[in-house]
Amino acid sequence: MTSKSRVLTLPDASRVRLDHSSLRFTHVGEEEDQARPRRGKESRTRPKPIESGCWADPVWIEQRLEYPSTKFSDSFWRRISDVPSYGARFSGPDVTALPGVYKFPGFHQGGVFSSTHMEWHFLDGGIIRHDGYGFGSHSGSCIYGAEVVRVNCLFFGIIQPRRMKGESARRPLSRLLEELSAAELTDSARRTLENPATQSA
């Protein structure tokens, strides 16, 4: 696809550039931002929502980054932990979608006729998914690490929590996206970018 990028303003007022051809984020510093040519007053009008449903759709990603609308409490519930850790509500986001775009390190245990356990590690924590097998087993997903929680809020269009118990110093959201997107794209995400016509809802 043709390379394209746009500077986005995130909920904490930090700014980032998303390259549409690679889904790579780059932090935009104050000096670079001031040097950027202006085209009149910048509009912050919320665009009409799009429901691409495709995680490798750059426009779909941009809209959720800049215009979050879902309440945090409607998406996650806090787990008992010394670090920020949240489970996804039944009607909440599928937090395993992000590892479907970027190749994060982790591991996968289990198989066809047994419980499956998957973990992906990035930033200050990661994502855990467990699918139980058999009577009495449980299934669910959780995210842990304050930075991981915040980037999931960005990608799912969830309003950022003001603070989380156990959260220490906060880095700009733009820096988190920049570090996260240093990972390689998954094969499925790369195919979608190369053939945007195959995107489906």
C-alpha atoms as a PDB file:
ATOM      1  CA  MET A   1       0.000   0.000   0.000  1.00  0.00           C
ATOM      2  CA  THR A   2       1.072   3.614  -0.503  1.00  0.00           C
ATOM      3  CA  SER A   3       2.981   4.998   2.474  1.00  0.00           C
ATOM      4  CA  LYS A   4       0.963   7.566   4.379  1.00  0.00           C
ATOM      5  CA  SER A   5       1.212   9.069   7.838  1.00  0.00           C
ATOM      6  CA  ARG A   6      -0.547  11.637   9.992  1.00  0.00           C
ATOM      7  CA  VAL A   7       0.303  13.251  13.314  1.00  0.00           C
ATOM      8  CA  LEU A   8      -2.206  12.259  15.993  1.00  0.00           C
ATOM      9  CA  THR A   9      -2.959  13.920  19.315  1.00  0.00           C
ATOM     10  CA  LEU A  10      -3.418  11.378  22.100  1.00  0.00           C
ATOM     11  CA  PRO A  11      -5.545  11.725  25.275  1.00  0.00           C
ATOM     12  CA  ASP A  12      -2.552  12.916  27.345  1.00  0.00           C
ATOM     13  CA  ALA A  13      -1.802  15.598  24.698  1.00  0.00           C
ATOM     14  CA  SER A  14       1.366  13.819  23.528  1.00  0.00           C
ATOM     15  CA  ARG A  15       1.659  13.481  19.761  1.00  0.00           C
ATOM     16  CA  VAL A  16       2.598  10.567  17.566  1.00  0.00           C
ATOM     17  CA  ARG A  17       2.896   9.769  13.872  1.00  0.00           C
ATOM     18  CA  LEU A  18       1.456   6.524  12.510  1.00  0.00           C
ATOM     19  CA  ASP A  19       2.941   5.151   9.300  1.00  0.00           C
ATOM     20  CA  HIS A  20       0.071   3.465   7.450  1.00  0.00           C
ATOM     21  CA  SER A  21       2.329   1.110   5.515  1.00  0.00           C
ATOM     22  CA  SER A  22       4.066  -0.411   8.551  1.00  0.00           C
ATOM     23  CA  LEU A  23       1.819   0.445  11.527  1.00  0.00           C
ATOM     24  CA  ARG A  24       4.940   1.912  13.119  1.00  0.00           C
ATOM     25  CA  PHE A  25       4.438   4.783  15.574  1.00  0.00           C
ATOM     26  CA  THR A  26       6.944   7.616  16.028  1.00  0.00           C
ATOM     27  CA  HIS A  27       6.879  10.061  18.929  1.00  0.00           C
ATOM     28  CA  VAL A  28       6.587  13.669  17.771  1.00  0.00           C
ATOM     29  CA  GLY A  29       8.673  15.984  19.950  1.00  0.00           C
ATOM     30  CA  GLU A  30       7.840  19.574  20.716  1.00  0.00           C
ATOM     31  CA  GLU A  31      10.461  20.960  18.329  1.00  0.00           C
ATOM     32  CA  GLU A  32       9.284  18.819  15.419  1.00  0.00           C
ATOM     33  CA  ASP A  33       5.662  19.657  16.171  1.00  0.00           C
ATOM     34  CA  GLN A  34       6.366  23.400  16.132  1.00  0.00           C
ATOM     35  CA  ALA A  35       8.221  23.092  12.824  1.00  0.00           C
ATOM     36  CA  ARG A  36       5.332  21.230  11.217  1.00  0.00           C
ATOM     37  CA  PRO A  37       3.466  23.416   8.672  1.00  0.00           C
ATOM     38  CA  ARG A  38      -0.005  24.422   9.815  1.00  0.00           C
ATOM     39  CA  ARG A  39      -3.083  24.511   7.623  1.00  0.00           C
ATOM     40  CA  GLY A  40      -5.229  26.910   9.547  1.00  0.00           C
ATOM     41  CA  LYS A  41      -6.906  25.959  12.823  1.00  0.00           C
ATOM     42  CA  GLU A  42      -6.755  22.236  13.466  1.00  0.00           C
ATOM     43  CA  SER A  43     -10.156  20.574  13.678  1.00  0.00           C
ATOM     44  CA  ARG A  44     -10.889  18.246  16.585  1.00  0.00           C
ATOM     45  CA  THR A  45     -14.399  17.348  15.443  1.00  0.00           C
ATOM     46  CA  ARG A  46     -15.160  13.690  16.057  1.00  0.00           C
ATOM     47  CA  PRO A  47     -15.468  11.950  12.673  1.00  0.00           C
ATOM     48  CA  LYS A  48     -18.277   9.573  11.818  1.00  0.00           C
ATOM     49  CA  PRO A  49     -17.406   6.215  13.422  1.00  0.00           C
ATOM     50  CA  ILE A  50     -16.189   3.492  11.122  1.00  0.00           C
ATOM     51  CA  GLU A  51     -16.666  -0.158  11.977  1.00  0.00           C
ATOM     52  CA  SER A  52     -13.926  -1.810   9.958  1.00  0.00           C
ATOM     53  CA  GLY A  53     -13.311  -4.401  12.649  1.00  0.00           C
ATOM     54  CA  CYS A  54      -9.939  -5.032  11.030  1.00  0.00           C
ATOM     55  CA  TRP A  55      -7.069  -4.572  13.452  1.00  0.00           C
ATOM     56  CA  ALA A  56      -4.608  -3.739  10.682  1.00  0.00           C
ATOM     57  CA  ASP A  57      -6.747  -0.889   9.323  1.00  0.00           C
ATOM     58  CA  PRO A  58      -4.727   2.314  10.019  1.00  0.00           C
ATOM     59  CA  VAL A  59      -7.755   4.615   9.810  1.00  0.00           C
ATOM     60  CA  TRP A  60      -9.700   2.422  12.242  1.00  0.00           C
ATOM     61  CA  ILE A  61      -6.724   2.543  14.623  1.00  0.00           C
ATOM     62  CA  GLU A  62      -6.354   6.322  14.342  1.00  0.00           C
ATOM     63  CA  GLN A  63      -9.981   6.948  15.205  1.00  0.00           C
ATOM     64  CA  ARG A  64      -9.765   4.944  18.423  1.00  0.00           C
ATOM     65  CA  LEU A  65      -6.499   6.575  19.458  1.00  0.00           C
ATOM     66  CA  GLU A  66      -7.790  10.119  19.119  1.00  0.00           C
ATOM     67  CA  TYR A  67     -11.464   9.713  20.041  1.00  0.00           C
ATOM     68  CA  PRO A  68     -11.938   7.214  22.900  1.00  0.00           C
ATOM     69  CA  SER A  69     -15.558   6.885  23.995  1.00  0.00           C
ATOM     70  CA  THR A  70     -15.953   3.665  25.998  1.00  0.00           C
ATOM     71  CA  LYS A  71     -15.898   3.805  29.801  1.00  0.00           C
ATOM     72  CA  PHE A  72     -13.007   2.003  31.449  1.00  0.00           C
ATOM     73  CA  SER A  73     -15.315   0.357  34.002  1.00  0.00           C
ATOM     74  CA  ASP A  74     -17.433  -1.077  31.173  1.00  0.00           C
ATOM     75  CA  SER A  75     -14.398  -2.844  29.731  1.00  0.00           C
ATOM     76  CA  PHE A  76     -12.246  -4.102  32.619  1.00  0.00           C
ATOM     77  CA  TRP A  77     -12.455  -5.231  36.234  1.00  0.00           C
ATOM     78  CA  ARG A  78      -9.537  -5.021  38.660  1.00  0.00           C
ATOM     79  CA  ARG A  79      -7.855  -8.239  39.744  1.00  0.00           C
ATOM     80  CA  ILE A  80      -6.210  -8.651  43.167  1.00  0.00           C
ATOM     81  CA  SER A  81      -2.545  -8.012  42.441  1.00  0.00           C
ATOM     82  CA  ASP A  82       0.422  -5.906  43.576  1.00  0.00           C
ATOM     83  CA  VAL A  83       0.710  -4.509  40.048  1.00  0.00           C
ATOM     84  CA  PRO A  84      -2.052  -3.005  37.877  1.00  0.00           C
ATOM     85  CA  SER A  85      -3.910  -6.056  36.579  1.00  0.00           C
ATOM     86  CA  TYR A  86      -7.343  -6.165  34.953  1.00  0.00           C
ATOM     87  CA  GLY A  87      -9.611  -8.814  33.545  1.00  0.00           C
ATOM     88  CA  ALA A  88     -11.665  -8.173  30.425  1.00  0.00           C
ATOM     89  CA  ARG A  89     -15.394  -8.094  31.084  1.00  0.00           C
ATOM     90  CA  PHE A  90     -17.634 -10.484  29.181  1.00  0.00           C
ATOM     91  CA  SER A  91     -18.834  -7.603  26.987  1.00  0.00           C
ATOM     92  CA  GLY A  92     -15.387  -5.983  26.974  1.00  0.00           C
ATOM     93  CA  PRO A  93     -12.597  -6.014  24.386  1.00  0.00           C
ATOM     94  CA  ASP A  94     -10.777  -9.043  23.051  1.00  0.00           C
ATOM     95  CA  VAL A  95      -7.342  -8.161  24.402  1.00  0.00           C
ATOM     96  CA  THR A  96      -5.724 -10.908  22.312  1.00  0.00           C
ATOM     97  CA  ALA A  97      -6.361  -8.822  19.184  1.00  0.00           C
ATOM     98  CA  LEU A  98      -3.251  -6.681  19.700  1.00  0.00           C
ATOM     99  CA  PRO A  99      -0.866  -9.692  19.570  1.00  0.00           C
ATOM    100  CA  GLY A 100      -2.636 -10.512  16.319  1.00  0.00           C
ATOM    101  CA  VAL A 101      -1.028  -7.399  14.829  1.00  0.00           C
ATOM    102  CA  TYR A 102       2.403  -7.242  16.500  1.00  0.00           C
ATOM    103  CA  LYS A 103       4.691 -10.199  17.238  1.00  0.00           C
ATOM    104  CA  PHE A 104       5.296  -9.986  20.962  1.00  0.00           C
ATOM    105  CA  PRO A 105       7.472 -12.572  22.728  1.00  0.00           C
ATOM    106  CA  GLY A 106       5.620 -15.126  24.840  1.00  0.00           C
ATOM    107  CA  PHE A 107       4.561 -18.746  24.887  1.00  0.00           C
ATOM    108  CA  HIS A 108       1.680 -21.110  24.165  1.00  0.00           C
ATOM    109  CA  GLN A 109       0.843 -24.232  26.163  1.00  0.00           C
ATOM    110  CA  GLY A 110      -1.873 -26.817  25.636  1.00  0.00           C
ATOM    111  CA  GLY A 111      -3.602 -28.305  22.675  1.00  0.00           C
ATOM    112  CA  VAL A 112      -6.676 -29.778  21.076  1.00  0.00           C
ATOM    113  CA  PHE A 113      -8.015 -31.876  23.972  1.00  0.00           C
ATOM    114  CA  SER A 114      -6.604 -29.900  26.892  1.00  0.00           C
ATOM    115  CA  SER A 115      -6.691 -26.413  28.359  1.00  0.00           C
ATOM    116  CA  THR A 116      -4.780 -23.747  26.463  1.00  0.00           C
ATOM    117  CA  HIS A 117      -2.650 -21.058  28.079  1.00  0.00           C
ATOM    118  CA  MET A 118      -1.071 -18.195  26.123  1.00  0.00           C
ATOM    119  CA  GLU A 119       1.040 -15.230  27.217  1.00  0.00           C
ATOM    120  CA  TRP A 120       2.494 -12.241  25.369  1.00  0.00           C
ATOM    121  CA  HIS A 121       5.046  -9.933  27.015  1.00  0.00           C
ATOM    122  CA  PHE A 122       5.671  -6.276  26.119  1.00  0.00           C
ATOM    123  CA  LEU A 123       6.232  -2.879  27.756  1.00  0.00           C
ATOM    124  CA  ASP A 124       5.931  -3.290  31.553  1.00  0.00           C
ATOM    125  CA  GLY A 125       3.727  -6.391  31.544  1.00  0.00           C
ATOM    126  CA  GLY A 126       1.679  -8.377  29.100  1.00  0.00           C
ATOM    127  CA  ILE A 127      -1.491 -10.250  28.180  1.00  0.00           C
ATOM    128  CA  ILE A 128      -2.642 -13.644  29.437  1.00  0.00           C
ATOM    129  CA  ARG A 129      -5.314 -15.806  27.819  1.00  0.00           C
ATOM    130  CA  HIS A 130      -6.542 -19.094  29.304  1.00  0.00           C
ATOM    131  CA  ASP A 131      -9.096 -21.368  27.638  1.00  0.00           C
ATOM    132  CA  GLY A 132     -10.221 -24.168  29.893  1.00  0.00           C
ATOM    133  CA  TYR A 133     -11.188 -27.638  28.724  1.00  0.00           C
ATOM    134  CA  GLY A 134     -13.703 -29.903  30.384  1.00  0.00           C
ATOM    135  CA  PHE A 135     -16.283 -29.566  33.144  1.00  0.00           C
ATOM    136  CA  GLY A 136     -15.508 -26.979  35.808  1.00  0.00           C
ATOM    137  CA  SER A 137     -12.711 -25.303  33.879  1.00  0.00           C
ATOM    138  CA  HIS A 138     -12.556 -21.555  33.370  1.00  0.00           C
ATOM    139  CA  SER A 139     -11.643 -19.285  30.485  1.00  0.00           C
ATOM    140  CA  GLY A 140     -10.706 -15.629  30.333  1.00  0.00           C
ATOM    141  CA  SER A 141      -8.184 -12.935  29.499  1.00  0.00           C
ATOM    142  CA  CYS A 142      -6.335 -10.407  31.593  1.00  0.00           C
ATOM    143  CA  ILE A 143      -3.780  -7.656  31.088  1.00  0.00           C
ATOM    144  CA  TYR A 144      -1.134  -6.606  33.591  1.00  0.00           C
ATOM    145  CA  GLY A 145       1.254  -3.681  33.834  1.00  0.00           C
ATOM    146  CA  ALA A 146       0.090  -0.067  33.825  1.00  0.00           C
ATOM    147  CA  GLU A 147       1.592   0.674  30.413  1.00  0.00           C
ATOM    148  CA  VAL A 148      -0.001  -2.400  28.868  1.00  0.00           C
ATOM    149  CA  VAL A 149      -3.368  -1.345  30.307  1.00  0.00           C
ATOM    150  CA  ARG A 150      -2.996   2.136  28.837  1.00  0.00           C
ATOM    151  CA  VAL A 151      -2.063   1.011  25.312  1.00  0.00           C
ATOM    152  CA  ASN A 152      -4.999  -1.408  25.317  1.00  0.00           C
ATOM    153  CA  CYS A 153      -7.225   1.539  26.197  1.00  0.00           C
ATOM    154  CA  LEU A 154      -5.765   3.418  23.227  1.00  0.00           C
ATOM    155  CA  PHE A 155      -6.327   0.647  20.697  1.00  0.00           C
ATOM    156  CA  PHE A 156      -9.844  -0.157  21.903  1.00  0.00           C
ATOM    157  CA  GLY A 157     -11.056   3.447  22.138  1.00  0.00           C
ATOM    158  CA  ILE A 158     -11.421   3.248  25.931  1.00  0.00           C
ATOM    159  CA  ILE A 159     -11.180   6.373  28.068  1.00  0.00           C
ATOM    160  CA  GLN A 160      -7.914   6.380  30.027  1.00  0.00           C
ATOM    161  CA  PRO A 161      -8.176   5.905  33.816  1.00  0.00           C
ATOM    162  CA  ARG A 162      -6.826   8.894  35.754  1.00  0.00           C
ATOM    163  CA  ARG A 163      -4.656   6.669  37.891  1.00  0.00           C
ATOM    164  CA  MET A 164      -4.222   3.002  38.713  1.00  0.00           C
ATOM    165  CA  LYS A 165      -3.248   1.493  42.031  1.00  0.00           C
ATOM    166  CA  GLY A 166       0.368   0.404  41.805  1.00  0.00           C
ATOM    167  CA  GLU A 167       1.171   2.695  38.872  1.00  0.00           C
ATOM    168  CA  SER A 168       4.447   4.583  39.231  1.00  0.00           C
ATOM    169  CA  ALA A 169       5.767   7.363  37.011  1.00  0.00           C
ATOM    170  CA  ARG A 170       3.887   7.672  33.718  1.00  0.00           C
ATOM    171  CA  ARG A 171       5.543   7.960  30.325  1.00  0.00           C
ATOM    172  CA  PRO A 172       3.828   9.824  27.470  1.00  0.00           C
ATOM    173  CA  LEU A 173       1.394   7.594  25.588  1.00  0.00           C
ATOM    174  CA  SER A 174       3.261   8.427  22.399  1.00  0.00           C
ATOM    175  CA  ARG A 175       6.412   6.809  23.804  1.00  0.00           C
ATOM    176  CA  LEU A 176       4.492   3.657  24.705  1.00  0.00           C
ATOM    177  CA  LEU A 177       3.146   3.336  21.165  1.00  0.00           C
ATOM    178  CA  GLU A 178       6.585   3.946  19.704  1.00  0.00           C
ATOM    179  CA  GLU A 179       8.145   1.177  21.820  1.00  0.00           C
ATOM    180  CA  LEU A 180       5.255  -1.230  21.265  1.00  0.00           C
ATOM    181  CA  SER A 181       5.335  -0.899  17.479  1.00  0.00           C
ATOM    182  CA  ALA A 182       9.048  -1.676  17.306  1.00  0.00           C
ATOM    183  CA  ALA A 183       7.913  -5.310  17.253  1.00  0.00           C
ATOM    184  CA  GLU A 184       7.489  -7.010  13.891  1.00  0.00           C
ATOM    185  CA  LEU A 185       4.061  -7.273  12.328  1.00  0.00           C
ATOM    186  CA  THR A 186       2.349 -10.649  12.280  1.00  0.00           C
ATOM    187  CA  ASP A 187       1.955 -12.361   8.920  1.00  0.00           C
ATOM    188  CA  SER A 188      -1.802 -11.743   8.907  1.00  0.00           C
ATOM    189  CA  ALA A 189      -1.362  -8.017   9.610  1.00  0.00           C
ATOM    190  CA  ARG A 190       1.242  -7.731   6.869  1.00  0.00           C
ATOM    191  CA  ARG A 191      -1.035  -9.465   4.365  1.00  0.00           C
ATOM    192  CA  THR A 192      -3.872  -7.108   5.235  1.00  0.00           C
ATOM    193  CA  LEU A 193      -1.685  -4.049   4.702  1.00  0.00           C
ATOM    194  CA  GLU A 194      -0.445  -5.387   1.372  1.00  0.00           C
ATOM    195  CA  ASN A 195      -3.999  -6.222   0.217  1.00  0.00           C
ATOM    196  CA  PRO A 196      -6.358  -3.724   1.890  1.00  0.00           C
ATOM    197  CA  ALA A 197      -9.247  -4.927  -0.279  1.00  0.00           C
ATOM    198  CA  THR A 198      -9.281  -8.139   1.768  1.00  0.00           C
ATOM    199  CA  GLN A 199     -10.236  -6.307   4.961  1.00  0.00           C
ATOM    200  CA  SER A 200     -13.575  -7.480   6.246  1.00  0.00           C
ATOM    201  CA  ALA A 201     -15.875  -6.400   9.024  1.00  0.00           C
END
